[in-house]
Protein backbone atom coordinates (compact mmCIF):
# COMPACT_ATOMS: atom_id res chain seq x y z
CA MET A 1 0.00 0.00 0.00
CA LYS A 2 1.35 3.40 -0.98
CA VAL A 3 1.14 6.07 1.76
CA THR A 4 1.56 9.77 0.97
CA ALA A 5 1.71 12.61 3.48
CA SER A 6 -0.30 15.72 2.69
CA SER A 7 0.60 19.37 3.23
CA ILE A 8 -0.47 18.70 6.83
CA PRO A 9 1.83 15.76 7.64
CA GLU A 10 -0.62 14.00 10.00
CA ILE A 11 -3.19 13.63 7.21
CA LEU A 12 -2.25 10.68 5.03
CA LEU A 13 -3.50 9.39 1.70
CA PHE A 14 -3.52 5.59 1.40
CA GLU A 15 -3.54 3.95 -2.03
CA PRO A 16 -4.03 0.19 -1.93
CA THR A 17 -2.46 -2.05 -4.53
CA VAL A 18 -5.22 -3.40 -6.74
CA HIS A 19 -4.75 -6.86 -8.25
CA GLY A 20 -7.08 -7.21 -11.21
CA ASP A 21 -7.77 -9.44 -14.16
CA ASP A 22 -10.73 -10.23 -16.43
CA ARG A 23 -12.62 -11.68 -13.42
CA GLY A 24 -12.47 -8.48 -11.37
CA TYR A 25 -10.06 -7.29 -8.69
CA PHE A 26 -8.79 -7.80 -5.15
CA MET A 27 -7.23 -5.29 -2.76
CA GLU A 28 -6.42 -4.97 0.91
CA THR A 29 -8.24 -1.96 2.32
CA TRP A 30 -6.82 -2.12 5.83
CA ARG A 31 -3.68 -3.57 7.40
CA GLN A 32 -2.55 -2.78 10.95
CA SER A 33 1.14 -3.12 10.05
CA VAL A 34 0.86 -0.30 7.48
CA PHE A 35 -0.39 2.05 10.20
CA GLU A 36 2.38 0.84 12.52
CA GLN A 37 4.96 1.60 9.82
CA GLN A 38 3.59 5.16 9.80
CA HIS A 39 3.98 5.29 13.61
CA LEU A 40 0.21 5.49 14.06
CA ASP A 41 -0.98 3.76 17.21
CA VAL A 42 -4.71 3.48 16.53
CA GLU A 43 -7.47 1.08 17.36
CA PHE A 44 -10.62 1.22 15.27
CA VAL A 45 -13.80 0.64 17.29
CA GLN A 46 -16.59 1.55 14.86
CA ASP A 47 -17.27 1.40 11.10
CA ASN A 48 -19.75 3.82 9.52
CA GLN A 49 -21.34 3.93 6.09
CA SER A 50 -23.30 6.70 4.40
CA LYS A 51 -24.99 7.13 1.05
CA SER A 52 -25.48 10.62 -0.31
CA SER A 53 -26.83 12.12 -3.51
CA ARG A 54 -25.06 14.49 -5.93
CA GLY A 55 -24.49 17.94 -4.47
CA THR A 56 -24.72 16.82 -0.83
CA LEU A 57 -22.18 18.35 1.53
CA ARG A 58 -21.77 16.68 4.92
CA GLY A 59 -19.63 18.40 7.53
CA LEU A 60 -17.40 19.72 8.68
CA HIS A 61 -17.92 17.53 11.77
CA TYR A 62 -15.76 16.97 14.83
CA GLN A 63 -15.84 15.89 18.46
CA LEU A 64 -13.98 17.47 21.39
CA GLN A 65 -14.27 15.15 24.41
CA TYR A 66 -14.25 11.97 22.32
CA PRO A 67 -12.27 12.90 19.19
CA GLN A 68 -12.45 10.42 16.35
CA GLY A 69 -9.70 9.49 13.94
CA LYS A 70 -11.27 8.41 10.64
CA LEU A 71 -10.04 6.34 7.71
CA ALA A 72 -12.42 7.26 4.87
CA ARG A 73 -12.96 5.54 1.53
CA VAL A 74 -15.61 5.44 -1.18
CA VAL A 75 -17.04 2.19 -2.54
CA SER A 76 -19.48 3.75 -5.02
CA GLY A 77 -19.27 7.14 -6.70
CA GLU A 78 -16.93 10.07 -6.08
CA ILE A 79 -16.49 12.69 -3.35
CA PHE A 80 -14.23 15.58 -2.43
CA ASP A 81 -13.09 14.74 1.11
CA VAL A 82 -11.80 17.48 3.44
CA ALA A 83 -10.01 17.64 6.80
CA VAL A 84 -9.43 20.89 8.74
CA ASP A 85 -6.84 21.16 11.52
CA LEU A 86 -8.62 22.38 14.70
CA ARG A 87 -5.66 22.02 17.06
CA ARG A 88 -4.94 25.57 18.23
CA SER A 89 -1.39 24.56 19.21
CA SER A 90 -0.64 23.27 15.69
CA ALA A 91 1.37 25.20 13.11
CA HIS A 92 -1.38 24.14 10.67
CA PHE A 93 -4.34 25.41 12.76
CA GLY A 94 -7.20 26.40 10.44
CA LYS A 95 -5.55 24.86 7.36
CA TRP A 96 -7.27 22.20 5.29
CA VAL A 97 -6.47 19.27 3.02
CA GLY A 98 -8.80 17.95 0.33
CA ALA A 99 -8.67 14.84 -1.84
CA ILE A 100 -10.86 13.18 -4.43
CA LEU A 101 -11.89 9.74 -3.19
CA SER A 102 -13.73 7.42 -5.55
CA ALA A 103 -14.62 3.81 -6.19
CA GLU A 104 -12.29 4.01 -9.20
CA ASN A 105 -9.16 5.44 -7.55
CA ASN A 106 -9.56 3.41 -4.29
CA LYS A 107 -7.79 6.13 -2.30
CA GLN A 108 -8.39 6.46 1.44
CA LEU A 109 -7.89 9.54 3.60
CA TRP A 110 -6.62 9.26 7.19
CA VAL A 111 -8.10 12.09 9.27
CA PRO A 112 -6.57 12.00 12.76
CA PRO A 113 -8.29 13.10 15.98
CA GLY A 114 -8.19 16.90 16.30
CA PHE A 115 -9.51 17.57 12.80
CA ALA A 116 -12.93 18.47 11.41
CA HIS A 117 -14.04 16.23 8.56
CA GLY A 118 -16.50 16.68 5.72
CA PHE A 119 -17.17 15.74 2.12
CA TYR A 120 -19.02 16.83 -1.00
CA VAL A 121 -20.60 14.39 -3.48
CA ILE A 122 -19.53 14.95 -7.08
CA SER A 123 -21.08 11.86 -8.69
CA GLU A 124 -24.79 10.99 -9.04
CA SER A 125 -24.52 9.38 -5.60
CA ALA A 126 -21.73 8.08 -3.37
CA VAL A 127 -21.36 5.43 -0.71
CA MET A 128 -18.66 6.24 1.81
CA LEU A 129 -17.21 3.95 4.48
CA TYR A 130 -15.07 5.11 7.35
CA LYS A 131 -13.41 3.42 10.25
CA CYS A 132 -13.41 5.37 13.54
CA THR A 133 -11.04 5.29 16.50
CA GLU A 134 -13.73 6.39 18.98
CA TYR A 135 -17.42 5.66 19.38
CA TYR A 136 -19.90 8.31 18.28
CA HIS A 137 -21.25 10.42 21.16
CA PRO A 138 -24.16 12.62 19.99
CA GLU A 139 -23.69 15.04 22.90
CA ASP A 140 -20.14 15.73 21.66
CA ASP A 141 -20.97 16.46 18.02
CA TYR A 142 -19.88 19.82 16.55
CA SER A 143 -20.01 21.32 13.09
CA LEU A 144 -17.67 23.87 11.53
CA LEU A 145 -19.12 26.13 8.81
CA TRP A 146 -18.29 24.56 5.45
CA ASN A 147 -18.00 27.90 3.61
CA ASP A 148 -16.18 29.92 6.28
CA ALA A 149 -14.25 32.59 4.37
CA GLY A 150 -11.39 32.24 6.87
CA LEU A 151 -10.91 28.60 5.84
CA ALA A 152 -11.28 29.31 2.11
CA ILE A 153 -11.91 25.65 1.22
CA ASN A 154 -11.93 25.23 -2.55
CA TRP A 155 -14.99 22.94 -2.79
CA PRO A 156 -15.62 21.70 -6.37
CA LEU A 157 -19.28 22.72 -6.18
CA LEU A 158 -21.58 21.71 -9.03
CA ASP A 159 -23.75 24.72 -8.14
CA SER A 160 -23.66 27.37 -5.43
CA ASN A 161 -26.21 25.68 -3.15
CA PRO A 162 -25.06 22.31 -1.82
CA GLN A 163 -27.56 20.11 -0.01
CA LEU A 164 -26.94 20.64 3.72
CA SER A 165 -28.42 19.43 6.98
CA GLU A 166 -29.87 22.05 9.32
CA LYS A 167 -26.94 21.47 11.68
CA ASP A 168 -24.38 22.13 8.93
CA ARG A 169 -26.28 25.17 7.64
CA ASN A 170 -26.09 26.71 11.15
CA ALA A 171 -22.52 25.67 12.00
CA ASN A 172 -19.98 27.99 13.61
CA SER A 173 -17.16 29.76 11.82
CA LEU A 174 -13.62 28.96 12.94
CA THR A 175 -13.47 32.17 15.02
CA GLU A 176 -16.64 31.15 16.91
CA ALA A 177 -16.08 27.40 17.14
CA LEU A 178 -14.89 25.47 20.14
CA VAL A 179 -11.56 23.89 19.16
CA TYR A 180 -8.81 21.73 20.63
CA PRO A 181 -6.06 23.30 22.76
């Protein structure tokens, strides 16, 4: 598996080796030793799956008391996946990384604890899977404003009005949001 660091070194892009022939393909999507080689001591405790339609934007979500690390991948369709550094003590505080994840490119994005995470659906629909290092706690669920001018995320919007949940529509800007120390 190829592992590439992003402009924020803690965010990693994983590219599995795909073995294919006229019958189809096989690939490993997770291997503990690959994370260990990257000096990542993680234990995944929960797997999540979501299906979203074209133009849906989910996020930017994060947790403070129970921060989740997430390994995200797409098994159907295509998304633009984003992570924002919310660690005030980080040299990358308020910076973001984005990557196209699709069923065709098989790429996976590692979003460590301390980051907000969100994605935008580019294809007709997309099914996303992500492994989490912490259980979901609804009382510890926060949302960062997806179009905060201070973040200046370059979303590849198909039109100017993405489909948003009420929570994401009313999220806080980075200057108003509770963040990590």
